[in-house]
Amino acid sequence: MESFVITWRELLVVVAVVLAVYIAEMLLLLRSRRGIGRGAKPSKTEPVEPELMKFERIDDDIEQLREQVLALKAEIQELKDAPQADFHTTQTPYSQAIQLAKQGVAIAEVAAQCGISRAEAELIVAMHNAKST
């Protein structure tokens, strides 16, 4: 049986050929990318201004958001300026109990006047006595 021997010179030639093919492929790839990218004229099939259209859409979105923010600011101002008569005239039993507790009314009297349980009256009086001390 005959043995197959590769000398270092033959191996060097094979490596040089492989490297040459690899370098040639890289150069072709770079050339094709460079042609598409910077220096080449855009083809008629490619859209010319897709980036400008994106920016126009973003500008439109920003303008809509500005309008919404201004409308919300106006609505907030209206709510601030609106009379709060409805809130202040209709007292809940608990807000009435708080007022009585601040005046120092007894627990039984707070419960009777406000229509709340004695335990609730005790809690309210205890909380508002602690605040005043």
N, C-alpha and C. Protein backbone atom coordinates (compact mmCIF):
# COMPACT_ATOMS: atom_id res chain seq x y z
N MET A 1 0.84 -1.16 0.00
CA MET A 1 0.00 0.00 0.00
C MET A 1 0.89 1.24 0.00
N GLU A 2 0.52 2.12 -0.83
CA GLU A 2 1.31 3.33 -0.99
C GLU A 2 0.80 4.39 -0.02
N SER A 3 1.65 5.08 0.67
CA SER A 3 1.23 6.12 1.62
C SER A 3 1.13 7.47 0.91
N PHE A 4 0.24 8.25 1.37
CA PHE A 4 0.01 9.57 0.80
C PHE A 4 0.69 10.58 1.70
N VAL A 5 1.65 11.32 1.17
CA VAL A 5 2.44 12.26 1.95
C VAL A 5 2.24 13.66 1.39
N ILE A 6 1.96 14.61 2.30
CA ILE A 6 1.84 16.02 1.91
C ILE A 6 3.04 16.74 2.50
N THR A 7 3.74 17.42 1.65
CA THR A 7 4.90 18.17 2.12
C THR A 7 4.46 19.54 2.57
N TRP A 8 5.34 20.21 3.25
CA TRP A 8 4.98 21.54 3.76
C TRP A 8 4.77 22.52 2.63
N ARG A 9 5.47 22.32 1.51
CA ARG A 9 5.30 23.22 0.35
C ARG A 9 3.90 23.06 -0.24
N GLU A 10 3.43 21.83 -0.36
CA GLU A 10 2.09 21.59 -0.88
C GLU A 10 1.02 22.16 0.06
N LEU A 11 1.25 21.99 1.34
CA LEU A 11 0.33 22.53 2.34
C LEU A 11 0.30 24.05 2.27
N LEU A 12 1.45 24.66 2.08
CA LEU A 12 1.54 26.12 1.97
C LEU A 12 0.77 26.61 0.75
N VAL A 13 0.87 25.89 -0.36
CA VAL A 13 0.15 26.27 -1.59
C VAL A 13 -1.35 26.17 -1.36
N VAL A 14 -1.81 25.12 -0.71
CA VAL A 14 -3.24 24.95 -0.43
C VAL A 14 -3.74 26.08 0.46
N VAL A 15 -3.01 26.42 1.51
CA VAL A 15 -3.40 27.50 2.41
C VAL A 15 -3.44 28.83 1.67
N ALA A 16 -2.46 29.08 0.78
CA ALA A 16 -2.43 30.32 0.01
C ALA A 16 -3.64 30.41 -0.92
N VAL A 17 -4.02 29.31 -1.55
CA VAL A 17 -5.18 29.31 -2.45
C VAL A 17 -6.45 29.56 -1.65
N VAL A 18 -6.61 28.92 -0.50
CA VAL A 18 -7.79 29.12 0.32
C VAL A 18 -7.87 30.57 0.78
N LEU A 19 -6.76 31.14 1.20
CA LEU A 19 -6.74 32.54 1.62
C LEU A 19 -7.07 33.47 0.46
N ALA A 20 -6.57 33.19 -0.70
CA ALA A 20 -6.85 34.02 -1.87
C ALA A 20 -8.34 33.99 -2.19
N VAL A 21 -8.96 32.82 -2.14
CA VAL A 21 -10.40 32.72 -2.40
C VAL A 21 -11.18 33.49 -1.33
N TYR A 22 -10.80 33.36 -0.09
CA TYR A 22 -11.47 34.06 1.00
C TYR A 22 -11.36 35.57 0.83
N ILE A 23 -10.17 36.06 0.51
CA ILE A 23 -9.95 37.50 0.32
C ILE A 23 -10.76 38.00 -0.87
N ALA A 24 -10.80 37.23 -1.93
CA ALA A 24 -11.58 37.64 -3.10
C ALA A 24 -13.06 37.75 -2.76
N GLU A 25 -13.58 36.80 -1.99
CA GLU A 25 -14.99 36.86 -1.58
C GLU A 25 -15.26 38.08 -0.72
N MET A 26 -14.36 38.38 0.19
CA MET A 26 -14.53 39.55 1.06
C MET A 26 -14.51 40.84 0.26
N LEU A 27 -13.60 40.93 -0.71
CA LEU A 27 -13.54 42.13 -1.54
C LEU A 27 -14.82 42.31 -2.35
N LEU A 28 -15.34 41.22 -2.91
CA LEU A 28 -16.59 41.31 -3.66
C LEU A 28 -17.76 41.72 -2.75
N LEU A 29 -17.78 41.19 -1.56
CA LEU A 29 -18.83 41.54 -0.62
C LEU A 29 -18.75 43.02 -0.23
N LEU A 30 -17.55 43.49 0.06
CA LEU A 30 -17.38 44.90 0.42
C LEU A 30 -17.74 45.81 -0.75
N ARG A 31 -17.35 45.41 -1.95
CA ARG A 31 -17.65 46.22 -3.13
C ARG A 31 -19.17 46.30 -3.34
N SER A 32 -19.86 45.20 -3.17
CA SER A 32 -21.31 45.22 -3.37
C SER A 32 -22.00 46.05 -2.29
N ARG A 33 -21.54 45.97 -1.06
CA ARG A 33 -22.12 46.78 0.01
C ARG A 33 -21.83 48.25 -0.20
N ARG A 34 -20.64 48.59 -0.60
CA ARG A 34 -20.26 49.97 -0.82
C ARG A 34 -21.09 50.55 -1.96
N GLY A 35 -21.37 49.74 -2.95
CA GLY A 35 -22.17 50.19 -4.08
C GLY A 35 -23.59 50.50 -3.67
N ILE A 36 -24.16 49.73 -2.74
CA ILE A 36 -25.53 49.96 -2.28
C ILE A 36 -25.57 51.12 -1.32
N GLY A 37 -24.57 51.25 -0.50
CA GLY A 37 -24.59 52.21 0.59
C GLY A 37 -24.36 53.64 0.19
N ARG A 38 -23.15 54.12 0.33
CA ARG A 38 -22.87 55.54 0.24
C ARG A 38 -22.80 56.08 -1.17
N GLY A 39 -21.90 55.57 -1.98
CA GLY A 39 -21.57 56.21 -3.24
C GLY A 39 -22.54 55.96 -4.38
N ALA A 40 -23.35 54.94 -4.31
CA ALA A 40 -24.19 54.58 -5.45
C ALA A 40 -25.43 55.43 -5.49
N LYS A 41 -25.96 55.62 -6.68
CA LYS A 41 -27.21 56.32 -6.86
C LYS A 41 -28.35 55.36 -6.50
N PRO A 42 -29.37 55.88 -5.85
CA PRO A 42 -30.47 54.98 -5.49
C PRO A 42 -31.20 54.51 -6.74
N SER A 43 -31.61 53.25 -6.70
CA SER A 43 -32.33 52.72 -7.84
C SER A 43 -33.77 53.23 -7.82
N LYS A 44 -34.44 53.12 -8.94
CA LYS A 44 -35.80 53.64 -9.04
C LYS A 44 -36.79 52.80 -8.27
N THR A 45 -36.43 51.57 -7.95
CA THR A 45 -37.35 50.71 -7.21
C THR A 45 -37.32 51.01 -5.71
N GLU A 46 -36.24 51.57 -5.21
CA GLU A 46 -36.13 51.89 -3.79
C GLU A 46 -36.86 53.19 -3.50
N PRO A 47 -37.57 53.27 -2.36
CA PRO A 47 -38.17 54.54 -2.00
C PRO A 47 -37.07 55.55 -1.66
N VAL A 48 -37.22 56.76 -2.14
CA VAL A 48 -36.16 57.76 -2.00
C VAL A 48 -36.16 58.36 -0.61
N GLU A 49 -37.33 58.59 -0.03
CA GLU A 49 -37.39 59.33 1.23
C GLU A 49 -38.12 58.59 2.34
N PRO A 50 -37.78 57.35 2.64
CA PRO A 50 -38.51 56.67 3.73
C PRO A 50 -38.22 57.30 5.08
N GLU A 51 -37.02 57.79 5.28
CA GLU A 51 -36.65 58.40 6.57
C GLU A 51 -37.42 59.69 6.77
N LEU A 52 -37.58 60.48 5.71
CA LEU A 52 -38.33 61.73 5.84
C LEU A 52 -39.78 61.46 6.18
N MET A 53 -40.34 60.42 5.61
CA MET A 53 -41.73 60.08 5.91
C MET A 53 -41.87 59.65 7.37
N LYS A 54 -40.88 58.93 7.89
CA LYS A 54 -40.91 58.54 9.30
C LYS A 54 -40.88 59.77 10.19
N PHE A 55 -40.01 60.73 9.85
CA PHE A 55 -39.92 61.94 10.65
C PHE A 55 -41.20 62.75 10.59
N GLU A 56 -41.84 62.79 9.42
CA GLU A 56 -43.10 63.51 9.31
C GLU A 56 -44.18 62.85 10.17
N ARG A 57 -44.21 61.53 10.18
CA ARG A 57 -45.17 60.83 11.03
C ARG A 57 -44.90 61.10 12.50
N ILE A 58 -43.64 61.12 12.87
CA ILE A 58 -43.28 61.40 14.27
C ILE A 58 -43.68 62.82 14.63
N ASP A 59 -43.45 63.77 13.72
CA ASP A 59 -43.86 65.16 13.97
C ASP A 59 -45.37 65.26 14.15
N ASP A 60 -46.13 64.54 13.32
CA ASP A 60 -47.58 64.54 13.45
C ASP A 60 -48.01 63.97 14.80
N ASP A 61 -47.37 62.88 15.21
CA ASP A 61 -47.69 62.28 16.51
C ASP A 61 -47.38 63.24 17.65
N ILE A 62 -46.27 63.94 17.55
CA ILE A 62 -45.89 64.89 18.60
C ILE A 62 -46.91 66.01 18.66
N GLU A 63 -47.35 66.49 17.51
CA GLU A 63 -48.35 67.56 17.49
C GLU A 63 -49.66 67.10 18.12
N GLN A 64 -50.09 65.87 17.82
CA GLN A 64 -51.30 65.34 18.43
C GLN A 64 -51.16 65.23 19.95
N LEU A 65 -49.99 64.81 20.39
CA LEU A 65 -49.76 64.69 21.84
C LEU A 65 -49.78 66.07 22.50
N ARG A 66 -49.21 67.08 21.82
CA ARG A 66 -49.26 68.44 22.37
C ARG A 66 -50.70 68.90 22.54
N GLU A 67 -51.52 68.65 21.52
CA GLU A 67 -52.92 69.05 21.60
C GLU A 67 -53.63 68.34 22.75
N GLN A 68 -53.34 67.07 22.93
CA GLN A 68 -53.96 66.33 24.02
C GLN A 68 -53.53 66.86 25.38
N VAL A 69 -52.25 67.20 25.50
CA VAL A 69 -51.74 67.73 26.77
C VAL A 69 -52.39 69.07 27.07
N LEU A 70 -52.51 69.93 26.06
CA LEU A 70 -53.15 71.23 26.27
C LEU A 70 -54.62 71.06 26.67
N ALA A 71 -55.32 70.12 26.03
CA ALA A 71 -56.71 69.87 26.39
C ALA A 71 -56.81 69.37 27.83
N LEU A 72 -55.90 68.49 28.23
CA LEU A 72 -55.93 67.98 29.60
C LEU A 72 -55.60 69.07 30.61
N LYS A 73 -54.66 69.95 30.27
CA LYS A 73 -54.34 71.07 31.17
C LYS A 73 -55.56 71.98 31.34
N ALA A 74 -56.26 72.24 30.23
CA ALA A 74 -57.45 73.09 30.33
C ALA A 74 -58.52 72.42 31.18
N GLU A 75 -58.69 71.11 31.02
CA GLU A 75 -59.68 70.38 31.81
C GLU A 75 -59.32 70.39 33.30
N ILE A 76 -58.04 70.23 33.59
CA ILE A 76 -57.59 70.28 34.99
C ILE A 76 -57.86 71.66 35.59
N GLN A 77 -57.59 72.70 34.81
CA GLN A 77 -57.82 74.06 35.30
C GLN A 77 -59.30 74.29 35.55
N GLU A 78 -60.16 73.77 34.66
CA GLU A 78 -61.60 73.90 34.86
C GLU A 78 -62.04 73.20 36.15
N LEU A 79 -61.47 72.02 36.40
CA LEU A 79 -61.83 71.29 37.61
C LEU A 79 -61.35 72.02 38.86
N LYS A 80 -60.19 72.67 38.76
CA LYS A 80 -59.69 73.43 39.90
C LYS A 80 -60.56 74.66 40.16
N ASP A 81 -61.00 75.29 39.08
CA ASP A 81 -61.79 76.51 39.22
C ASP A 81 -63.26 76.26 39.53
N ALA A 82 -63.73 75.03 39.30
CA ALA A 82 -65.15 74.71 39.52
C ALA A 82 -65.48 74.84 41.00
N PRO A 83 -66.67 75.32 41.29
CA PRO A 83 -67.06 75.44 42.72
C PRO A 83 -67.18 74.06 43.35
N GLN A 84 -66.72 73.96 44.54
CA GLN A 84 -66.74 72.70 45.26
C GLN A 84 -67.90 72.64 46.23
N ALA A 85 -68.98 73.33 45.91
CA ALA A 85 -70.14 73.42 46.81
C ALA A 85 -70.75 72.05 47.07
N ASP A 86 -70.83 71.21 46.06
CA ASP A 86 -71.44 69.89 46.23
C ASP A 86 -70.69 69.07 47.26
N PHE A 87 -69.38 69.17 47.25
CA PHE A 87 -68.56 68.39 48.17
C PHE A 87 -68.73 68.88 49.60
N HIS A 88 -68.75 70.20 49.77
CA HIS A 88 -68.78 70.75 51.12
C HIS A 88 -70.18 70.74 51.74
N THR A 89 -71.22 70.84 50.95
CA THR A 89 -72.56 70.90 51.52
C THR A 89 -73.05 69.52 51.94
N THR A 90 -72.67 68.48 51.25
CA THR A 90 -73.10 67.14 51.62
C THR A 90 -72.02 66.50 52.47
N GLN A 91 -72.23 66.58 53.78
CA GLN A 91 -71.27 65.99 54.70
C GLN A 91 -71.64 64.54 54.95
N THR A 92 -70.61 63.73 55.01
CA THR A 92 -70.83 62.35 55.39
C THR A 92 -70.93 62.29 56.91
N PRO A 93 -71.49 61.23 57.42
CA PRO A 93 -71.56 61.10 58.89
C PRO A 93 -70.16 61.14 59.51
N TYR A 94 -69.17 60.64 58.78
CA TYR A 94 -67.83 60.59 59.34
C TYR A 94 -67.18 61.97 59.38
N SER A 95 -67.40 62.77 58.35
CA SER A 95 -66.83 64.13 58.38
C SER A 95 -67.51 64.96 59.48
N GLN A 96 -68.82 64.73 59.65
CA GLN A 96 -69.53 65.41 60.74
C GLN A 96 -68.99 64.95 62.09
N ALA A 97 -68.73 63.66 62.22
CA ALA A 97 -68.18 63.13 63.47
C ALA A 97 -66.80 63.70 63.74
N ILE A 98 -66.00 63.88 62.70
CA ILE A 98 -64.67 64.47 62.87
C ILE A 98 -64.79 65.89 63.41
N GLN A 99 -65.72 66.66 62.84
CA GLN A 99 -65.92 68.04 63.32
C GLN A 99 -66.35 68.05 64.78
N LEU A 100 -67.28 67.16 65.13
CA LEU A 100 -67.71 67.10 66.53
C LEU A 100 -66.58 66.66 67.46
N ALA A 101 -65.76 65.71 67.00
CA ALA A 101 -64.64 65.25 67.82
C ALA A 101 -63.63 66.38 68.04
N LYS A 102 -63.43 67.19 67.03
CA LYS A 102 -62.51 68.32 67.17
C LYS A 102 -63.06 69.37 68.14
N GLN A 103 -64.37 69.44 68.22
CA GLN A 103 -65.00 70.38 69.16
C GLN A 103 -65.01 69.84 70.59
N GLY A 104 -64.67 68.55 70.75
CA GLY A 104 -64.59 67.98 72.09
C GLY A 104 -65.89 67.37 72.57
N VAL A 105 -66.80 67.05 71.68
CA VAL A 105 -68.08 66.45 72.06
C VAL A 105 -67.83 65.02 72.54
N ALA A 106 -68.64 64.55 73.46
CA ALA A 106 -68.47 63.22 74.04
C ALA A 106 -68.75 62.14 72.98
N ILE A 107 -68.19 60.95 73.23
CA ILE A 107 -68.29 59.84 72.28
C ILE A 107 -69.74 59.44 72.05
N ALA A 108 -70.52 59.34 73.11
CA ALA A 108 -71.92 58.92 72.98
C ALA A 108 -72.71 59.94 72.15
N GLU A 109 -72.43 61.21 72.36
CA GLU A 109 -73.11 62.27 71.62
C GLU A 109 -72.73 62.26 70.14
N VAL A 110 -71.45 62.00 69.85
CA VAL A 110 -70.98 61.91 68.45
C VAL A 110 -71.69 60.76 67.75
N ALA A 111 -71.79 59.61 68.42
CA ALA A 111 -72.43 58.45 67.82
C ALA A 111 -73.92 58.71 67.58
N ALA A 112 -74.57 59.37 68.51
CA ALA A 112 -76.00 59.64 68.38
C ALA A 112 -76.29 60.66 67.28
N GLN A 113 -75.55 61.73 67.23
CA GLN A 113 -75.80 62.79 66.25
C GLN A 113 -75.47 62.36 64.82
N CYS A 114 -74.45 61.55 64.67
CA CYS A 114 -73.99 61.18 63.32
C CYS A 114 -74.58 59.88 62.83
N GLY A 115 -75.19 59.11 63.69
CA GLY A 115 -75.77 57.84 63.27
C GLY A 115 -74.72 56.78 62.98
N ILE A 116 -73.63 56.82 63.72
CA ILE A 116 -72.57 55.81 63.55
C ILE A 116 -72.48 54.99 64.82
N SER A 117 -71.80 53.88 64.75
CA SER A 117 -71.68 53.03 65.93
C SER A 117 -70.76 53.67 66.96
N ARG A 118 -70.90 53.18 68.18
CA ARG A 118 -70.07 53.72 69.27
C ARG A 118 -68.59 53.45 69.01
N ALA A 119 -68.28 52.27 68.45
CA ALA A 119 -66.88 51.94 68.18
C ALA A 119 -66.29 52.89 67.14
N GLU A 120 -67.09 53.23 66.12
CA GLU A 120 -66.61 54.18 65.11
C GLU A 120 -66.39 55.55 65.72
N ALA A 121 -67.32 55.95 66.59
CA ALA A 121 -67.19 57.25 67.25
C ALA A 121 -65.96 57.27 68.15
N GLU A 122 -65.72 56.18 68.87
CA GLU A 122 -64.53 56.10 69.72
C GLU A 122 -63.25 56.22 68.89
N LEU A 123 -63.23 55.54 67.75
CA LEU A 123 -62.05 55.60 66.88
C LEU A 123 -61.81 57.02 66.36
N ILE A 124 -62.88 57.66 65.91
CA ILE A 124 -62.74 59.01 65.37
C ILE A 124 -62.28 59.98 66.46
N VAL A 125 -62.86 59.90 67.63
CA VAL A 125 -62.49 60.78 68.72
C VAL A 125 -61.04 60.50 69.13
N ALA A 126 -60.65 59.23 69.18
CA ALA A 126 -59.27 58.89 69.57
C ALA A 126 -58.28 59.42 68.53
N MET A 127 -58.62 59.31 67.28
CA MET A 127 -57.70 59.76 66.23
C MET A 127 -57.55 61.29 66.27
N HIS A 128 -58.63 61.97 66.47
CA HIS A 128 -58.55 63.43 66.41
C HIS A 128 -58.10 64.04 67.73
N ASN A 129 -58.22 63.32 68.83
CA ASN A 129 -57.61 63.75 70.08
C ASN A 129 -56.11 63.60 69.99
N ALA A 130 -55.65 62.54 69.32
CA ALA A 130 -54.20 62.31 69.19
C ALA A 130 -53.59 63.38 68.30
N LYS A 131 -54.33 63.86 67.28
CA LYS A 131 -53.81 64.89 66.42
C LYS A 131 -53.68 66.23 67.15
N SER A 132 -54.62 66.51 68.03
CA SER A 132 -54.61 67.79 68.70
C SER A 132 -53.57 67.84 69.82
N THR A 133 -53.14 66.69 70.34
CA THR A 133 -52.16 66.69 71.44
C THR A 133 -50.77 66.60 70.93
